[in-house]
Every structure is written in structure tokens, then in C-alpha cells.
Amino acid sequence: MAIKITEECINCGACEPECPNNAIYEGGVEWAITDGTSVTGDFALMSGDVIDAEKRNEPISVDVYYISPDKCTECQGFHEEPQCAAVCPVDCCVPDEMYEETVDELLGKKEKLHL
């Protein structure tokens, strides 16, 4: 499953540069599939919606850092554990129960993001 950042986040920013998918954003910042990936054109989100990869999307959080579940692969194919959780000083990077995915699904997402 994807990782989420809880409200306990202290906005230190340690997690953001560690994400190999550029899935972590500062609160209030719009996100796009194309940020830090090789995706262009249309992209199918987990919801089934298809959007332009360059489309700027509404922030998921305005107060604390957040992770786009459509870009989070739990670092599968890159590292042995989610790097955001490994570096978080307050342990606020936790599994997001709303997005249950198998390792194969996470690796498939990684392949879609990094052609």
C-alpha cells in the first residue's frame, strides 16, 4: 500500500529528497505525475481517471507534507524499505490503508512512472 504522512508531520522536509518517485510534496504545493518521472501524455490514476501527466493537481494537504498515492511505490524496485519512513524523525510516514497494493502492483506502478 502507499505511504501517507500524518498530521504529526513537523514539516522538516527530510522525506522529500529521499523519494525516488518525487511523490512527496510540501503542503499547499500542487502535484503532477510528470514531476520527477519520465511520463508524458495521458496517465491512468488509481481511481481509473485518465489525466494529462503534466496537469497540476490540487494539493492533498495544505498544512503538512503529503504523498501522492498515484506516485508512491513504497520504494519497491529502488530500496528495501520506504525511504520517507526511514528518515522521518517523528515517524509520521505510515502505510495508507486506503491504498492496498501488492508488491507486483507497486513494481508495475514503478515501471509506468519510469519508462
PDB file of N, CA and C in Angstrom:
ATOM      1  N   MET A   1       0.844  -1.188   0.000  1.00  0.00           N
ATOM      2  CA  MET A   1       0.000   0.000   0.000  1.00  0.00           C
ATOM      3  C   MET A   1       0.878   1.235   0.000  1.00  0.00           C
ATOM      4  N   ALA A   2       0.315   2.319  -0.444  1.00  0.00           N
ATOM      5  CA  ALA A   2       1.048   3.581  -0.469  1.00  0.00           C
ATOM      6  C   ALA A   2       1.344   4.038   0.961  1.00  0.00           C
ATOM      7  N   ILE A   3       2.241   4.979   1.058  1.00  0.00           N
ATOM      8  CA  ILE A   3       2.574   5.579   2.352  1.00  0.00           C
ATOM      9  C   ILE A   3       1.876   6.931   2.429  1.00  0.00           C
ATOM     10  N   LYS A   4       1.483   7.315   3.635  1.00  0.00           N
ATOM     11  CA  LYS A   4       0.907   8.644   3.848  1.00  0.00           C
ATOM     12  C   LYS A   4       1.671   9.332   4.959  1.00  0.00           C
ATOM     13  N   ILE A   5       1.536  10.641   4.990  1.00  0.00           N
ATOM     14  CA  ILE A   5       2.154  11.440   6.046  1.00  0.00           C
ATOM     15  C   ILE A   5       1.040  11.933   6.954  1.00  0.00           C
ATOM     16  N   THR A   6       1.161  11.655   8.229  1.00  0.00           N
ATOM     17  CA  THR A   6       0.111  12.018   9.177  1.00  0.00           C
ATOM     18  C   THR A   6       0.233  13.473   9.607  1.00  0.00           C
ATOM     19  N   GLU A   7      -0.767  13.940  10.312  1.00  0.00           N
ATOM     20  CA  GLU A   7      -0.809  15.321  10.807  1.00  0.00           C
ATOM     21  C   GLU A   7       0.280  15.610  11.841  1.00  0.00           C
ATOM     22  N   GLU A   8       0.960  14.576  12.323  1.00  0.00           N
ATOM     23  CA  GLU A   8       2.051  14.774  13.275  1.00  0.00           C
ATOM     24  C   GLU A   8       3.306  15.319  12.592  1.00  0.00           C
ATOM     25  N   CYS A   9       3.277  15.439  11.270  1.00  0.00           N
ATOM     26  CA  CYS A   9       4.425  15.948  10.497  1.00  0.00           C
ATOM     27  C   CYS A   9       4.858  17.305  11.046  1.00  0.00           C
ATOM     28  N   ILE A  10       6.180  17.472  11.196  1.00  0.00           N
ATOM     29  CA  ILE A  10       6.715  18.742  11.702  1.00  0.00           C
ATOM     30  C   ILE A  10       7.270  19.605  10.555  1.00  0.00           C
ATOM     31  N   ASN A  11       6.981  19.210   9.319  1.00  0.00           N
ATOM     32  CA  ASN A  11       7.397  19.963   8.131  1.00  0.00           C
ATOM     33  C   ASN A  11       8.904  20.167   8.045  1.00  0.00           C
ATOM     34  N   CYS A  12       9.667  19.155   8.442  1.00  0.00           N
ATOM     35  CA  CYS A  12      11.130  19.277   8.385  1.00  0.00           C
ATOM     36  C   CYS A  12      11.656  19.102   6.965  1.00  0.00           C
ATOM     37  N   GLY A  13      10.899  18.387   6.114  1.00  0.00           N
ATOM     38  CA  GLY A  13      11.304  18.201   4.729  1.00  0.00           C
ATOM     39  C   GLY A  13      12.322  17.103   4.491  1.00  0.00           C
ATOM     40  N   ALA A  14      12.676  16.347   5.508  1.00  0.00           N
ATOM     41  CA  ALA A  14      13.688  15.292   5.341  1.00  0.00           C
ATOM     42  C   ALA A  14      13.256  14.232   4.334  1.00  0.00           C
ATOM     43  N   CYS A  15      11.981  13.985   4.232  1.00  0.00           N
ATOM     44  CA  CYS A  15      11.465  12.924   3.373  1.00  0.00           C
ATOM     45  C   CYS A  15      11.490  13.266   1.884  1.00  0.00           C
ATOM     46  N   GLU A  16      11.243  14.505   1.565  1.00  0.00           N
ATOM     47  CA  GLU A  16      11.049  14.903   0.167  1.00  0.00           C
ATOM     48  C   GLU A  16      12.196  14.494  -0.763  1.00  0.00           C
ATOM     49  N   PRO A  17      13.452  14.806  -0.452  1.00  0.00           N
ATOM     50  CA  PRO A  17      14.530  14.437  -1.377  1.00  0.00           C
ATOM     51  C   PRO A  17      14.821  12.940  -1.429  1.00  0.00           C
ATOM     52  N   GLU A  18      14.294  12.174  -0.486  1.00  0.00           N
ATOM     53  CA  GLU A  18      14.555  10.732  -0.440  1.00  0.00           C
ATOM     54  C   GLU A  18      13.657   9.931  -1.379  1.00  0.00           C
ATOM     55  N   CYS A  19      12.575  10.525  -1.850  1.00  0.00           N
ATOM     56  CA  CYS A  19      11.584   9.794  -2.648  1.00  0.00           C
ATOM     57  C   CYS A  19      12.065   9.614  -4.087  1.00  0.00           C
ATOM     58  N   PRO A  20      12.242   8.363  -4.540  1.00  0.00           N
ATOM     59  CA  PRO A  20      12.711   8.121  -5.899  1.00  0.00           C
ATOM     60  C   PRO A  20      11.661   8.429  -6.968  1.00  0.00           C
ATOM     61  N   ASN A  21      10.414   8.618  -6.559  1.00  0.00           N
ATOM     62  CA  ASN A  21       9.332   8.900  -7.500  1.00  0.00           C
ATOM     63  C   ASN A  21       8.886  10.357  -7.475  1.00  0.00           C
ATOM     64  N   ASN A  22       9.529  11.172  -6.658  1.00  0.00           N
ATOM     65  CA  ASN A  22       9.092  12.553  -6.467  1.00  0.00           C
ATOM     66  C   ASN A  22       7.603  12.604  -6.143  1.00  0.00           C
ATOM     67  N   ALA A  23       7.178  11.734  -5.243  1.00  0.00           N
ATOM     68  CA  ALA A  23       5.774  11.649  -4.844  1.00  0.00           C
ATOM     69  C   ALA A  23       5.457  12.499  -3.624  1.00  0.00           C
ATOM     70  N   ILE A  24       6.476  13.091  -3.002  1.00  0.00           N
ATOM     71  CA  ILE A  24       6.288  13.858  -1.772  1.00  0.00           C
ATOM     72  C   ILE A  24       6.346  15.349  -2.086  1.00  0.00           C
ATOM     73  N   TYR A  25       5.343  16.055  -1.565  1.00  0.00           N
ATOM     74  CA  TYR A  25       5.229  17.490  -1.819  1.00  0.00           C
ATOM     75  C   TYR A  25       5.021  18.244  -0.515  1.00  0.00           C
ATOM     76  N   GLU A  26       5.499  19.470  -0.490  1.00  0.00           N
ATOM     77  CA  GLU A  26       5.251  20.349   0.649  1.00  0.00           C
ATOM     78  C   GLU A  26       3.770  20.704   0.664  1.00  0.00           C
ATOM     79  N   GLY A  27       3.202  20.836   1.834  1.00  0.00           N
ATOM     80  CA  GLY A  27       1.799  21.203   1.959  1.00  0.00           C
ATOM     81  C   GLY A  27       1.465  22.445   1.153  1.00  0.00           C
ATOM     82  N   GLY A  28       0.350  22.391   0.430  1.00  0.00           N
ATOM     83  CA  GLY A  28      -0.108  23.522  -0.358  1.00  0.00           C
ATOM     84  C   GLY A  28       0.438  23.579  -1.772  1.00  0.00           C
ATOM     85  N   VAL A  29       1.399  22.724  -2.099  1.00  0.00           N
ATOM     86  CA  VAL A  29       2.001  22.719  -3.429  1.00  0.00           C
ATOM     87  C   VAL A  29       1.244  21.738  -4.329  1.00  0.00           C
ATOM     88  N   GLU A  30       0.904  22.186  -5.544  1.00  0.00           N
ATOM     89  CA  GLU A  30       0.234  21.308  -6.499  1.00  0.00           C
ATOM     90  C   GLU A  30       1.210  20.230  -6.970  1.00  0.00           C
ATOM     91  N   TRP A  31       0.664  19.077  -7.362  1.00  0.00           N
ATOM     92  CA  TRP A  31       1.493  17.958  -7.812  1.00  0.00           C
ATOM     93  C   TRP A  31       1.121  17.554  -9.234  1.00  0.00           C
ATOM     94  N   ALA A  32       2.058  16.878  -9.895  1.00  0.00           N
ATOM     95  CA  ALA A  32       1.822  16.355 -11.239  1.00  0.00           C
ATOM     96  C   ALA A  32       2.543  15.023 -11.392  1.00  0.00           C
ATOM     97  N   ILE A  33       1.975  14.141 -12.178  1.00  0.00           N
ATOM     98  CA  ILE A  33       2.595  12.845 -12.440  1.00  0.00           C
ATOM     99  C   ILE A  33       3.985  13.040 -13.052  1.00  0.00           C
ATOM    100  N   THR A  34       4.128  13.993 -13.928  1.00  0.00           N
ATOM    101  CA  THR A  34       5.387  14.203 -14.640  1.00  0.00           C
ATOM    102  C   THR A  34       6.530  14.688 -13.750  1.00  0.00           C
ATOM    103  N   ASP A  35       6.241  15.235 -12.585  1.00  0.00           N
ATOM    104  CA  ASP A  35       7.302  15.724 -11.690  1.00  0.00           C
ATOM    105  C   ASP A  35       8.249  14.585 -11.322  1.00  0.00           C
ATOM    106  N   GLY A  36       9.487  14.656 -11.798  1.00  0.00           N
ATOM    107  CA  GLY A  36      10.498  13.672 -11.435  1.00  0.00           C
ATOM    108  C   GLY A  36      10.330  12.304 -12.058  1.00  0.00           C
ATOM    109  N   THR A  37       9.445  12.178 -13.043  1.00  0.00           N
ATOM    110  CA  THR A  37       9.261  10.902 -13.729  1.00  0.00           C
ATOM    111  C   THR A  37       9.488  11.111 -15.221  1.00  0.00           C
ATOM    112  N   SER A  38       9.422  10.031 -15.973  1.00  0.00           N
ATOM    113  CA  SER A  38       9.593  10.133 -17.423  1.00  0.00           C
ATOM    114  C   SER A  38       8.260  10.047 -18.156  1.00  0.00           C
ATOM    115  N   VAL A  39       7.162  10.193 -17.437  1.00  0.00           N
ATOM    116  CA  VAL A  39       5.833  10.053 -18.025  1.00  0.00           C
ATOM    117  C   VAL A  39       5.449  11.305 -18.811  1.00  0.00           C
ATOM    118  N   THR A  40       4.888  11.083 -19.993  1.00  0.00           N
ATOM    119  CA  THR A  40       4.315  12.155 -20.797  1.00  0.00           C
ATOM    120  C   THR A  40       2.957  11.682 -21.301  1.00  0.00           C
ATOM    121  N   GLY A  41       2.141  12.614 -21.720  1.00  0.00           N
ATOM    122  CA  GLY A  41       0.834  12.247 -22.274  1.00  0.00           C
ATOM    123  C   GLY A  41      -0.159  11.843 -21.214  1.00  0.00           C
ATOM    124  N   ASP A  42      -1.091  10.979 -21.604  1.00  0.00           N
ATOM    125  CA  ASP A  42      -2.143  10.540 -20.689  1.00  0.00           C
ATOM    126  C   ASP A  42      -1.613   9.511 -19.687  1.00  0.00           C
ATOM    127  N   PHE A  43      -2.158   9.578 -18.472  1.00  0.00           N
ATOM    128  CA  PHE A  43      -1.764   8.661 -17.408  1.00  0.00           C
ATOM    129  C   PHE A  43      -3.018   8.242 -16.651  1.00  0.00           C
ATOM    130  N   ALA A  44      -3.169   6.942 -16.421  1.00  0.00           N
ATOM    131  CA  ALA A  44      -4.325   6.424 -15.681  1.00  0.00           C
ATOM    132  C   ALA A  44      -4.020   6.427 -14.184  1.00  0.00           C
ATOM    133  N   LEU A  45      -4.828   7.167 -13.438  1.00  0.00           N
ATOM    134  CA  LEU A  45      -4.685   7.222 -11.985  1.00  0.00           C
ATOM    135  C   LEU A  45      -5.263   5.958 -11.362  1.00  0.00           C
ATOM    136  N   MET A  46      -4.997   5.728 -10.090  1.00  0.00           N
ATOM    137  CA  MET A  46      -5.523   4.570  -9.378  1.00  0.00           C
ATOM    138  C   MET A  46      -7.048   4.580  -9.349  1.00  0.00           C
ATOM    139  N   SER A  47      -7.647   5.749  -9.424  1.00  0.00           N
ATOM    140  CA  SER A  47      -9.105   5.884  -9.407  1.00  0.00           C
ATOM    141  C   SER A  47      -9.731   5.435 -10.722  1.00  0.00           C
ATOM    142  N   GLY A  48      -8.890   5.277 -11.765  1.00  0.00           N
ATOM    143  CA  GLY A  48      -9.388   4.950 -13.087  1.00  0.00           C
ATOM    144  C   GLY A  48      -9.496   6.170 -13.991  1.00  0.00           C
ATOM    145  N   ASP A  49      -9.427   7.360 -13.399  1.00  0.00           N
ATOM    146  CA  ASP A  49      -9.441   8.587 -14.196  1.00  0.00           C
ATOM    147  C   ASP A  49      -8.154   8.669 -15.014  1.00  0.00           C
ATOM    148  N   VAL A  50      -8.270   9.211 -16.208  1.00  0.00           N
ATOM    149  CA  VAL A  50      -7.102   9.419 -17.053  1.00  0.00           C
ATOM    150  C   VAL A  50      -6.869  10.920 -17.153  1.00  0.00           C
ATOM    151  N   ILE A  51      -5.643  11.340 -16.838  1.00  0.00           N
ATOM    152  CA  ILE A  51      -5.304  12.762 -16.874  1.00  0.00           C
ATOM    153  C   ILE A  51      -4.030  12.970 -17.688  1.00  0.00           C
ATOM    154  N   ASP A  52      -3.796  14.194 -18.092  1.00  0.00           N
ATOM    155  CA  ASP A  52      -2.534  14.555 -18.717  1.00  0.00           C
ATOM    156  C   ASP A  52      -1.475  14.536 -17.618  1.00  0.00           C
ATOM    157  N   ALA A  53      -0.356  13.864 -17.865  1.00  0.00           N
ATOM    158  CA  ALA A  53       0.695  13.730 -16.851  1.00  0.00           C
ATOM    159  C   ALA A  53       1.233  15.077 -16.387  1.00  0.00           C
ATOM    160  N   GLU A  54       1.126  16.099 -17.224  1.00  0.00           N
ATOM    161  CA  GLU A  54       1.639  17.414 -16.853  1.00  0.00           C
ATOM    162  C   GLU A  54       0.626  18.267 -16.093  1.00  0.00           C
ATOM    163  N   LYS A  55      -0.606  17.790 -15.981  1.00  0.00           N
ATOM    164  CA  LYS A  55      -1.659  18.540 -15.278  1.00  0.00           C
ATOM    165  C   LYS A  55      -1.263  18.764 -13.825  1.00  0.00           C
ATOM    166  N   ARG A  56      -1.378  20.004 -13.365  1.00  0.00           N
ATOM    167  CA  ARG A  56      -1.129  20.329 -11.973  1.00  0.00           C
ATOM    168  C   ARG A  56      -2.398  20.001 -11.186  1.00  0.00           C
ATOM    169  N   ASN A  57      -2.260  19.175 -10.163  1.00  0.00           N
ATOM    170  CA  ASN A  57      -3.391  18.718  -9.359  1.00  0.00           C
ATOM    171  C   ASN A  57      -3.417  19.426  -8.012  1.00  0.00           C
ATOM    172  N   GLU A  58      -4.603  19.519  -7.464  1.00  0.00           N
ATOM    173  CA  GLU A  58      -4.790  20.165  -6.160  1.00  0.00           C
ATOM    174  C   GLU A  58      -3.938  19.473  -5.097  1.00  0.00           C
ATOM    175  N   PRO A  59      -3.381  20.238  -4.168  1.00  0.00           N
ATOM    176  CA  PRO A  59      -2.623  19.631  -3.071  1.00  0.00           C
ATOM    177  C   PRO A  59      -3.509  18.702  -2.246  1.00  0.00           C
ATOM    178  N   ILE A  60      -2.946  17.612  -1.798  1.00  0.00           N
ATOM    179  CA  ILE A  60      -3.683  16.668  -0.954  1.00  0.00           C
ATOM    180  C   ILE A  60      -3.750  17.205   0.472  1.00  0.00           C
ATOM    181  N   SER A  61      -2.767  18.005   0.854  1.00  0.00           N
ATOM    182  CA  SER A  61      -2.731  18.646   2.170  1.00  0.00           C
ATOM    183  C   SER A  61      -2.196  20.064   1.991  1.00  0.00           C
ATOM    184  N   VAL A  62      -2.670  20.962   2.820  1.00  0.00           N
ATOM    185  CA  VAL A  62      -2.149  22.331   2.765  1.00  0.00           C
ATOM    186  C   VAL A  62      -1.276  22.660   3.969  1.00  0.00           C
ATOM    187  N   ASP A  63      -1.383  21.878   5.022  1.00  0.00           N
ATOM    188  CA  ASP A  63      -0.674  22.190   6.267  1.00  0.00           C
ATOM    189  C   ASP A  63       0.642  21.435   6.441  1.00  0.00           C
ATOM    190  N   VAL A  64       0.712  20.207   5.945  1.00  0.00           N
ATOM    191  CA  VAL A  64       1.911  19.384   6.130  1.00  0.00           C
ATOM    192  C   VAL A  64       2.294  18.733   4.799  1.00  0.00           C
ATOM    193  N   TYR A  65       3.520  18.225   4.740  1.00  0.00           N
ATOM    194  CA  TYR A  65       3.954  17.480   3.563  1.00  0.00           C
ATOM    195  C   TYR A  65       2.955  16.361   3.290  1.00  0.00           C
ATOM    196  N   TYR A  66       2.855  15.958   2.037  1.00  0.00           N
ATOM    197  CA  TYR A  66       1.956  14.864   1.674  1.00  0.00           C
ATOM    198  C   TYR A  66       2.580  14.008   0.577  1.00  0.00           C
ATOM    199  N   ILE A  67       2.041  12.815   0.405  1.00  0.00           N
ATOM    200  CA  ILE A  67       2.500  11.877  -0.612  1.00  0.00           C
ATOM    201  C   ILE A  67       1.355  11.611  -1.583  1.00  0.00           C
ATOM    202  N   SER A  68       1.628  11.739  -2.874  1.00  0.00           N
ATOM    203  CA  SER A  68       0.639  11.388  -3.891  1.00  0.00           C
ATOM    204  C   SER A  68       0.583   9.872  -3.995  1.00  0.00           C
ATOM    205  N   PRO A  69      -0.543   9.249  -3.644  1.00  0.00           N
ATOM    206  CA  PRO A  69      -0.619   7.786  -3.713  1.00  0.00           C
ATOM    207  C   PRO A  69      -0.478   7.265  -5.143  1.00  0.00           C
ATOM    208  N   ASP A  70      -0.794   8.087  -6.125  1.00  0.00           N
ATOM    209  CA  ASP A  70      -0.655   7.669  -7.517  1.00  0.00           C
ATOM    210  C   ASP A  70       0.803   7.567  -7.953  1.00  0.00           C
ATOM    211  N   LYS A  71       1.714   8.114  -7.158  1.00  0.00           N
ATOM    212  CA  LYS A  71       3.132   8.053  -7.483  1.00  0.00           C
ATOM    213  C   LYS A  71       3.935   7.216  -6.483  1.00  0.00           C
ATOM    214  N   CYS A  72       3.366   6.898  -5.339  1.00  0.00           N
ATOM    215  CA  CYS A  72       4.091   6.171  -4.298  1.00  0.00           C
ATOM    216  C   CYS A  72       4.170   4.681  -4.631  1.00  0.00           C
ATOM    217  N   THR A  73       5.396   4.158  -4.596  1.00  0.00           N
ATOM    218  CA  THR A  73       5.612   2.725  -4.810  1.00  0.00           C
ATOM    219  C   THR A  73       6.232   2.063  -3.579  1.00  0.00           C
ATOM    220  N   GLU A  74       6.196   2.729  -2.445  1.00  0.00           N
ATOM    221  CA  GLU A  74       6.845   2.247  -1.215  1.00  0.00           C
ATOM    222  C   GLU A  74       8.320   1.963  -1.462  1.00  0.00           C
ATOM    223  N   CYS A  75       8.894   2.619  -2.449  1.00  0.00           N
ATOM    224  CA  CYS A  75      10.301   2.462  -2.845  1.00  0.00           C
ATOM    225  C   CYS A  75      10.602   1.073  -3.408  1.00  0.00           C
ATOM    226  N   GLN A  76       9.560   0.302  -3.759  1.00  0.00           N
ATOM    227  CA  GLN A  76       9.780  -1.012  -4.361  1.00  0.00           C
ATOM    228  C   GLN A  76      10.576  -0.844  -5.652  1.00  0.00           C
ATOM    229  N   GLY A  77      11.591  -1.681  -5.830  1.00  0.00           N
ATOM    230  CA  GLY A  77      12.434  -1.610  -7.004  1.00  0.00           C
ATOM    231  C   GLY A  77      13.575  -0.619  -6.862  1.00  0.00           C
ATOM    232  N   PHE A  78      13.567   0.147  -5.786  1.00  0.00           N
ATOM    233  CA  PHE A  78      14.627   1.121  -5.519  1.00  0.00           C
ATOM    234  C   PHE A  78      15.373   0.787  -4.221  1.00  0.00           C
ATOM    235  N   HIS A  79      14.616   0.573  -3.156  1.00  0.00           N
ATOM    236  CA  HIS A  79      15.191   0.359  -1.822  1.00  0.00           C
ATOM    237  C   HIS A  79      14.428  -0.764  -1.126  1.00  0.00           C
ATOM    238  N   GLU A  80      14.995  -1.269  -0.048  1.00  0.00           N
ATOM    239  CA  GLU A  80      14.363  -2.357   0.694  1.00  0.00           C
ATOM    240  C   GLU A  80      13.231  -1.891   1.601  1.00  0.00           C
ATOM    241  N   GLU A  81      13.173  -0.586   1.887  1.00  0.00           N
ATOM    242  CA  GLU A  81      12.118  -0.044   2.733  1.00  0.00           C
ATOM    243  C   GLU A  81      11.784   1.364   2.250  1.00  0.00           C
ATOM    244  N   PRO A  82      10.588   1.850   2.565  1.00  0.00           N
ATOM    245  CA  PRO A  82      10.237   3.226   2.187  1.00  0.00           C
ATOM    246  C   PRO A  82      11.209   4.213   2.824  1.00  0.00           C
ATOM    247  N   GLN A  83      11.858   4.998   1.991  1.00  0.00           N
ATOM    248  CA  GLN A  83      12.881   5.916   2.480  1.00  0.00           C
ATOM    249  C   GLN A  83      12.307   7.070   3.288  1.00  0.00           C
ATOM    250  N   CYS A  84      11.092   7.486   2.976  1.00  0.00           N
ATOM    251  CA  CYS A  84      10.475   8.564   3.754  1.00  0.00           C
ATOM    252  C   CYS A  84      10.340   8.146   5.216  1.00  0.00           C
ATOM    253  N   ALA A  85       9.867   6.901   5.424  1.00  0.00           N
ATOM    254  CA  ALA A  85       9.696   6.400   6.785  1.00  0.00           C
ATOM    255  C   ALA A  85      11.048   6.218   7.470  1.00  0.00           C
ATOM    256  N   ALA A  86      12.048   5.829   6.705  1.00  0.00           N
ATOM    257  CA  ALA A  86      13.374   5.588   7.276  1.00  0.00           C
ATOM    258  C   ALA A  86      14.012   6.871   7.805  1.00  0.00           C
ATOM    259  N   VAL A  87      13.748   8.008   7.156  1.00  0.00           N
ATOM    260  CA  VAL A  87      14.395   9.259   7.572  1.00  0.00           C
ATOM    261  C   VAL A  87      13.515  10.160   8.437  1.00  0.00           C
ATOM    262  N   CYS A  88      12.250   9.848   8.571  1.00  0.00           N
ATOM    263  CA  CYS A  88      11.328  10.715   9.311  1.00  0.00           C
ATOM    264  C   CYS A  88      11.668  10.728  10.808  1.00  0.00           C
ATOM    265  N   PRO A  89      11.965  11.902  11.354  1.00  0.00           N
ATOM    266  CA  PRO A  89      12.339  11.967  12.769  1.00  0.00           C
ATOM    267  C   PRO A  89      11.173  11.782  13.734  1.00  0.00           C
ATOM    268  N   VAL A  90       9.929  11.900  13.255  1.00  0.00           N
ATOM    269  CA  VAL A  90       8.777  11.759  14.153  1.00  0.00           C
ATOM    270  C   VAL A  90       7.874  10.591  13.766  1.00  0.00           C
ATOM    271  N   ASP A  91       8.353   9.729  12.883  1.00  0.00           N
ATOM    272  CA  ASP A  91       7.628   8.521  12.474  1.00  0.00           C
ATOM    273  C   ASP A  91       6.205   8.793  11.991  1.00  0.00           C
ATOM    274  N   CYS A  92       6.059   9.817  11.142  1.00  0.00           N
ATOM    275  CA  CYS A  92       4.716  10.137  10.649  1.00  0.00           C
ATOM    276  C   CYS A  92       4.473   9.628   9.226  1.00  0.00           C
ATOM    277  N   CYS A  93       5.417   8.902   8.646  1.00  0.00           N
ATOM    278  CA  CYS A  93       5.233   8.274   7.337  1.00  0.00           C
ATOM    279  C   CYS A  93       4.810   6.831   7.587  1.00  0.00           C
ATOM    280  N   VAL A  94       3.525   6.568   7.364  1.00  0.00           N
ATOM    281  CA  VAL A  94       2.940   5.274   7.721  1.00  0.00           C
ATOM    282  C   VAL A  94       2.157   4.710   6.536  1.00  0.00           C
ATOM    283  N   PRO A  95       1.890   3.387   6.536  1.00  0.00           N
ATOM    284  CA  PRO A  95       1.093   2.803   5.457  1.00  0.00           C
ATOM    285  C   PRO A  95      -0.297   3.447   5.380  1.00  0.00           C
ATOM    286  N   ASP A  96      -0.754   3.672   4.154  1.00  0.00           N
ATOM    287  CA  ASP A  96      -2.070   4.262   3.914  1.00  0.00           C
ATOM    288  C   ASP A  96      -3.047   3.140   3.589  1.00  0.00           C
ATOM    289  N   GLU A  97      -3.895   2.814   4.555  1.00  0.00           N
ATOM    290  CA  GLU A  97      -4.835   1.700   4.430  1.00  0.00           C
ATOM    291  C   GLU A  97      -5.815   1.872   3.269  1.00  0.00           C
ATOM    292  N   MET A  98      -5.980   3.082   2.774  1.00  0.00           N
ATOM    293  CA  MET A  98      -6.911   3.335   1.665  1.00  0.00           C
ATOM    294  C   MET A  98      -6.374   2.810   0.335  1.00  0.00           C
ATOM    295  N   TYR A  99      -5.076   2.525   0.266  1.00  0.00           N
ATOM    296  CA  TYR A  99      -4.451   2.122  -0.995  1.00  0.00           C
ATOM    297  C   TYR A  99      -3.659   0.833  -0.809  1.00  0.00           C
ATOM    298  N   GLU A 100      -4.358  -0.294  -0.738  1.00  0.00           N
ATOM    299  CA  GLU A 100      -3.696  -1.579  -0.580  1.00  0.00           C
ATOM    300  C   GLU A 100      -3.236  -2.071  -1.944  1.00  0.00           C
ATOM    301  N   GLU A 101      -1.934  -2.321  -2.066  1.00  0.00           N
ATOM    302  CA  GLU A 101      -1.356  -2.804  -3.306  1.00  0.00           C
ATOM    303  C   GLU A 101      -0.362  -3.915  -3.004  1.00  0.00           C
ATOM    304  N   THR A 102      -0.262  -4.874  -3.915  1.00  0.00           N
ATOM    305  CA  THR A 102       0.724  -5.939  -3.765  1.00  0.00           C
ATOM    306  C   THR A 102       2.079  -5.424  -4.225  1.00  0.00           C
ATOM    307  N   VAL A 103       3.120  -6.178  -3.924  1.00  0.00           N
ATOM    308  CA  VAL A 103       4.461  -5.822  -4.378  1.00  0.00           C
ATOM    309  C   VAL A 103       4.478  -5.772  -5.905  1.00  0.00           C
ATOM    310  N   ASP A 104       3.819  -6.728  -6.557  1.00  0.00           N
ATOM    311  CA  ASP A 104       3.773  -6.731  -8.023  1.00  0.00           C
ATOM    312  C   ASP A 104       3.084  -5.481  -8.566  1.00  0.00           C
ATOM    313  N   GLU A 105       2.013  -5.053  -7.912  1.00  0.00           N
ATOM    314  CA  GLU A 105       1.317  -3.831  -8.342  1.00  0.00           C
ATOM    315  C   GLU A 105       2.209  -2.603  -8.151  1.00  0.00           C
ATOM    316  N   LEU A 106       2.930  -2.553  -7.042  1.00  0.00           N
ATOM    317  CA  LEU A 106       3.835  -1.428  -6.782  1.00  0.00           C
ATOM    318  C   LEU A 106       4.974  -1.404  -7.800  1.00  0.00           C
ATOM    319  N   LEU A 107       5.502  -2.574  -8.142  1.00  0.00           N
ATOM    320  CA  LEU A 107       6.561  -2.640  -9.147  1.00  0.00           C
ATOM    321  C   LEU A 107       6.021  -2.256 -10.521  1.00  0.00           C
ATOM    322  N   GLY A 108       4.783  -2.621 -10.818  1.00  0.00           N
ATOM    323  CA  GLY A 108       4.164  -2.219 -12.067  1.00  0.00           C
ATOM    324  C   GLY A 108       3.991  -0.705 -12.139  1.00  0.00           C
ATOM    325  N   LYS A 109       3.612  -0.104 -11.017  1.00  0.00           N
ATOM    326  CA  LYS A 109       3.485   1.357 -10.962  1.00  0.00           C
ATOM    327  C   LYS A 109       4.843   2.012 -11.192  1.00  0.00           C
ATOM    328  N   LYS A 110       5.876   1.453 -10.589  1.00  0.00           N
ATOM    329  CA  LYS A 110       7.238   1.974 -10.778  1.00  0.00           C
ATOM    330  C   LYS A 110       7.601   1.953 -12.264  1.00  0.00           C
ATOM    331  N   GLU A 111       7.296   0.860 -12.934  1.00  0.00           N
ATOM    332  CA  GLU A 111       7.617   0.748 -14.364  1.00  0.00           C
ATOM    333  C   GLU A 111       6.847   1.785 -15.183  1.00  0.00           C
ATOM    334  N   LYS A 112       5.605   2.071 -14.820  1.00  0.00           N
ATOM    335  CA  LYS A 112       4.817   3.085 -15.529  1.00  0.00           C
ATOM    336  C   LYS A 112       5.404   4.484 -15.319  1.00  0.00           C
ATOM    337  N   LEU A 113       5.943   4.736 -14.136  1.00  0.00           N
ATOM    338  CA  LEU A 113       6.465   6.064 -13.813  1.00  0.00           C
ATOM    339  C   LEU A 113       7.861   6.308 -14.396  1.00  0.00           C
ATOM    340  N   HIS A 114       8.602   5.227 -14.568  1.00  0.00           N
ATOM    341  CA  HIS A 114       9.999   5.355 -15.015  1.00  0.00           C
ATOM    342  C   HIS A 114      10.208   4.494 -16.254  1.00  0.00           C
ATOM    343  N   LEU A 115       9.690   4.977 -17.380  1.00  0.00           N
ATOM    344  CA  LEU A 115       9.752   4.232 -18.645  1.00  0.00           C
ATOM    345  C   LEU A 115      11.176   4.002 -19.108  1.00  0.00           C
TER     346      LEU A 115
END
